[in-house]
Amino acid sequence: MKTSELETWEARFARELSLRGATGREVGEALETVRSHCRDARVHPDTAFGSSVAYARQLRPGPLRARRVGRLLLGCGASVPWRC
């Protein structure tokens, strides 16, 4: 896989974990675990873990955080009283 595909997988994985309430430290640790495994096994995360979003949901099941969901639904740049 290309570097851009790997970056996209990691970005989606990190975003989904964050939406599910993971702290920055937890996201970083999860990414390092994925990277380490994939480096050692010489495989792409899709091969080792499947969909980035599905894998994040396995690691962190439960509802999305309401504040982050609101930002996603309204989108950055919309006329909202807070900054994205």
N, C-alpha and C. Protein backbone atom coordinates (compact mmCIF):
# COMPACT_ATOMS: atom_id res chain seq x y z
N MET A 1 0.84 -1.18 0.00
CA MET A 1 0.00 0.00 0.00
C MET A 1 0.88 1.25 0.00
N LYS A 2 0.34 2.29 -0.55
CA LYS A 2 1.06 3.55 -0.61
C LYS A 2 1.02 4.24 0.74
N THR A 3 1.96 5.14 0.94
CA THR A 3 2.03 5.90 2.18
C THR A 3 0.74 6.67 2.42
N SER A 4 0.18 7.25 1.38
CA SER A 4 -1.06 8.02 1.56
C SER A 4 -2.21 7.13 2.03
N GLU A 5 -2.26 5.88 1.58
CA GLU A 5 -3.30 4.96 2.02
C GLU A 5 -3.10 4.60 3.49
N LEU A 6 -1.85 4.42 3.88
CA LEU A 6 -1.53 4.15 5.28
C LEU A 6 -1.92 5.33 6.16
N GLU A 7 -1.58 6.54 5.72
CA GLU A 7 -1.93 7.74 6.47
C GLU A 7 -3.44 7.90 6.59
N THR A 8 -4.17 7.58 5.53
CA THR A 8 -5.62 7.66 5.56
C THR A 8 -6.18 6.65 6.55
N TRP A 9 -5.69 5.43 6.56
CA TRP A 9 -6.14 4.41 7.50
C TRP A 9 -5.91 4.88 8.93
N GLU A 10 -4.70 5.38 9.19
CA GLU A 10 -4.37 5.85 10.54
C GLU A 10 -5.22 7.04 10.95
N ALA A 11 -5.46 7.97 10.05
CA ALA A 11 -6.26 9.16 10.37
C ALA A 11 -7.70 8.77 10.71
N ARG A 12 -8.27 7.86 9.93
CA ARG A 12 -9.64 7.41 10.21
C ARG A 12 -9.71 6.65 11.53
N PHE A 13 -8.71 5.84 11.80
CA PHE A 13 -8.64 5.09 13.05
C PHE A 13 -8.56 6.04 14.24
N ALA A 14 -7.66 7.01 14.16
CA ALA A 14 -7.49 7.98 15.25
C ALA A 14 -8.74 8.81 15.45
N ARG A 15 -9.37 9.24 14.36
CA ARG A 15 -10.59 10.06 14.47
C ARG A 15 -11.71 9.26 15.13
N GLU A 16 -11.88 8.02 14.74
CA GLU A 16 -12.95 7.20 15.32
C GLU A 16 -12.71 6.95 16.81
N LEU A 17 -11.47 6.67 17.18
CA LEU A 17 -11.16 6.49 18.61
C LEU A 17 -11.47 7.77 19.38
N SER A 18 -11.07 8.89 18.82
CA SER A 18 -11.31 10.18 19.47
C SER A 18 -12.81 10.46 19.63
N LEU A 19 -13.56 10.17 18.57
CA LEU A 19 -15.02 10.37 18.63
C LEU A 19 -15.66 9.49 19.71
N ARG A 20 -15.02 8.39 20.00
CA ARG A 20 -15.55 7.47 20.99
C ARG A 20 -14.98 7.73 22.39
N GLY A 21 -14.33 8.87 22.56
CA GLY A 21 -13.91 9.29 23.88
C GLY A 21 -12.50 8.96 24.28
N ALA A 22 -11.70 8.40 23.39
CA ALA A 22 -10.31 8.10 23.72
C ALA A 22 -9.52 9.39 23.89
N THR A 23 -8.62 9.41 24.85
CA THR A 23 -7.75 10.57 25.05
C THR A 23 -6.66 10.57 23.98
N GLY A 24 -5.97 11.67 23.87
CA GLY A 24 -4.86 11.76 22.93
C GLY A 24 -3.80 10.70 23.21
N ARG A 25 -3.55 10.46 24.49
CA ARG A 25 -2.57 9.45 24.86
C ARG A 25 -3.03 8.05 24.43
N GLU A 26 -4.31 7.75 24.65
CA GLU A 26 -4.85 6.44 24.25
C GLU A 26 -4.79 6.25 22.74
N VAL A 27 -5.11 7.30 22.01
CA VAL A 27 -5.04 7.23 20.55
C VAL A 27 -3.60 6.98 20.11
N GLY A 28 -2.67 7.71 20.69
CA GLY A 28 -1.26 7.53 20.36
C GLY A 28 -0.76 6.13 20.66
N GLU A 29 -1.17 5.59 21.80
CA GLU A 29 -0.75 4.23 22.16
C GLU A 29 -1.35 3.20 21.21
N ALA A 30 -2.61 3.39 20.84
CA ALA A 30 -3.26 2.46 19.91
C ALA A 30 -2.58 2.52 18.54
N LEU A 31 -2.26 3.73 18.08
CA LEU A 31 -1.56 3.86 16.80
C LEU A 31 -0.19 3.20 16.85
N GLU A 32 0.52 3.37 17.95
CA GLU A 32 1.84 2.76 18.06
C GLU A 32 1.74 1.23 18.06
N THR A 33 0.72 0.70 18.71
CA THR A 33 0.51 -0.75 18.71
C THR A 33 0.26 -1.26 17.29
N VAL A 34 -0.59 -0.56 16.55
CA VAL A 34 -0.88 -0.94 15.16
C VAL A 34 0.39 -0.86 14.32
N ARG A 35 1.10 0.26 14.44
CA ARG A 35 2.32 0.44 13.64
C ARG A 35 3.36 -0.64 13.95
N SER A 36 3.55 -0.92 15.23
CA SER A 36 4.53 -1.92 15.64
C SER A 36 4.18 -3.30 15.08
N HIS A 37 2.92 -3.68 15.21
CA HIS A 37 2.49 -4.98 14.69
C HIS A 37 2.69 -5.05 13.18
N CYS A 38 2.26 -4.01 12.49
CA CYS A 38 2.35 -4.02 11.03
C CYS A 38 3.80 -4.00 10.55
N ARG A 39 4.64 -3.27 11.27
CA ARG A 39 6.06 -3.24 10.92
C ARG A 39 6.68 -4.63 11.10
N ASP A 40 6.39 -5.27 12.24
CA ASP A 40 6.95 -6.59 12.52
C ASP A 40 6.42 -7.66 11.56
N ALA A 41 5.13 -7.58 11.25
CA ALA A 41 4.51 -8.58 10.36
C ALA A 41 4.66 -8.21 8.89
N ARG A 42 5.10 -6.97 8.63
CA ARG A 42 5.26 -6.47 7.27
C ARG A 42 3.96 -6.54 6.47
N VAL A 43 2.89 -6.05 7.12
CA VAL A 43 1.58 -6.01 6.47
C VAL A 43 0.97 -4.63 6.67
N HIS A 44 0.00 -4.33 5.82
CA HIS A 44 -0.76 -3.07 5.93
C HIS A 44 -1.83 -3.27 7.01
N PRO A 45 -2.21 -2.21 7.73
CA PRO A 45 -3.24 -2.34 8.75
C PRO A 45 -4.55 -2.94 8.25
N ASP A 46 -4.91 -2.67 6.99
CA ASP A 46 -6.13 -3.28 6.43
C ASP A 46 -6.05 -4.80 6.47
N THR A 47 -4.86 -5.32 6.18
CA THR A 47 -4.66 -6.77 6.17
C THR A 47 -4.69 -7.33 7.59
N ALA A 48 -4.04 -6.63 8.50
CA ALA A 48 -3.93 -7.12 9.88
C ALA A 48 -5.19 -6.88 10.70
N PHE A 49 -5.84 -5.73 10.52
CA PHE A 49 -6.94 -5.33 11.39
C PHE A 49 -8.26 -5.07 10.68
N GLY A 50 -8.25 -5.02 9.37
CA GLY A 50 -9.47 -4.72 8.63
C GLY A 50 -9.73 -3.21 8.59
N SER A 51 -10.98 -2.85 8.47
CA SER A 51 -11.37 -1.45 8.39
C SER A 51 -10.91 -0.69 9.63
N SER A 52 -10.36 0.50 9.40
CA SER A 52 -9.88 1.32 10.51
C SER A 52 -11.01 1.70 11.47
N VAL A 53 -12.15 2.05 10.91
CA VAL A 53 -13.30 2.45 11.73
C VAL A 53 -13.83 1.25 12.51
N ALA A 54 -13.96 0.12 11.87
CA ALA A 54 -14.46 -1.08 12.55
C ALA A 54 -13.51 -1.52 13.67
N TYR A 55 -12.20 -1.43 13.42
CA TYR A 55 -11.24 -1.83 14.44
C TYR A 55 -11.29 -0.87 15.63
N ALA A 56 -11.41 0.42 15.36
CA ALA A 56 -11.53 1.41 16.44
C ALA A 56 -12.78 1.14 17.28
N ARG A 57 -13.87 0.76 16.61
CA ARG A 57 -15.11 0.45 17.33
C ARG A 57 -14.96 -0.80 18.19
N GLN A 58 -14.15 -1.75 17.76
CA GLN A 58 -13.88 -2.94 18.57
C GLN A 58 -13.09 -2.57 19.82
N LEU A 59 -12.12 -1.68 19.65
CA LEU A 59 -11.29 -1.28 20.78
C LEU A 59 -12.04 -0.38 21.76
N ARG A 60 -12.94 0.42 21.23
CA ARG A 60 -13.64 1.41 22.04
C ARG A 60 -15.13 1.40 21.70
N PRO A 61 -15.84 0.32 22.11
CA PRO A 61 -17.27 0.27 21.81
C PRO A 61 -18.03 1.30 22.64
N GLY A 62 -19.22 1.59 22.22
CA GLY A 62 -20.05 2.52 22.97
C GLY A 62 -20.43 3.72 22.13
N PRO A 63 -21.18 4.62 22.74
CA PRO A 63 -21.70 5.77 22.00
C PRO A 63 -20.61 6.79 21.68
N LEU A 64 -20.88 7.58 20.67
CA LEU A 64 -20.00 8.68 20.32
C LEU A 64 -20.16 9.80 21.33
N ARG A 65 -19.13 10.62 21.49
CA ARG A 65 -19.21 11.76 22.39
C ARG A 65 -20.07 12.83 21.74
N ALA A 66 -21.07 13.33 22.44
CA ALA A 66 -22.06 14.26 21.90
C ALA A 66 -21.43 15.54 21.35
N ARG A 67 -20.49 16.11 22.05
CA ARG A 67 -19.89 17.37 21.60
C ARG A 67 -19.21 17.21 20.25
N ARG A 68 -18.47 16.13 20.07
CA ARG A 68 -17.78 15.90 18.81
C ARG A 68 -18.76 15.57 17.69
N VAL A 69 -19.81 14.85 18.00
CA VAL A 69 -20.80 14.51 16.98
C VAL A 69 -21.45 15.78 16.45
N GLY A 70 -21.78 16.71 17.34
CA GLY A 70 -22.37 17.99 16.92
C GLY A 70 -21.48 18.73 15.97
N ARG A 71 -20.20 18.73 16.23
CA ARG A 71 -19.27 19.41 15.33
C ARG A 71 -19.22 18.72 13.97
N LEU A 72 -19.29 17.41 13.97
CA LEU A 72 -19.28 16.70 12.69
C LEU A 72 -20.53 16.99 11.89
N LEU A 73 -21.67 17.01 12.58
CA LEU A 73 -22.93 17.24 11.88
C LEU A 73 -23.02 18.66 11.33
N LEU A 74 -22.54 19.64 12.10
CA LEU A 74 -22.61 21.02 11.66
C LEU A 74 -21.47 21.37 10.72
N GLY A 75 -20.35 20.72 10.92
CA GLY A 75 -19.19 20.96 10.07
C GLY A 75 -18.46 22.24 10.41
N CYS A 76 -17.16 22.21 10.24
CA CYS A 76 -16.34 23.40 10.46
C CYS A 76 -16.67 24.42 9.37
N GLY A 77 -16.66 25.67 9.75
CA GLY A 77 -16.96 26.71 8.79
C GLY A 77 -18.42 27.10 8.75
N ALA A 78 -19.26 26.31 9.39
CA ALA A 78 -20.68 26.67 9.45
C ALA A 78 -20.86 27.79 10.46
N SER A 79 -21.96 28.44 10.43
CA SER A 79 -22.24 29.53 11.37
C SER A 79 -22.60 28.96 12.72
N VAL A 80 -21.57 28.71 13.51
CA VAL A 80 -21.76 28.15 14.85
C VAL A 80 -21.03 29.03 15.84
N PRO A 81 -21.49 29.07 17.10
CA PRO A 81 -20.90 29.96 18.09
C PRO A 81 -19.56 29.48 18.64
N TRP A 82 -19.05 28.32 18.25
CA TRP A 82 -17.77 27.83 18.74
C TRP A 82 -16.83 27.59 17.58
N ARG A 83 -15.59 27.44 17.93
CA ARG A 83 -14.57 27.18 16.90
C ARG A 83 -14.40 25.69 16.70
N CYS A 84 -14.10 25.31 15.49
CA CYS A 84 -13.82 23.89 15.18
C CYS A 84 -12.35 23.64 15.32
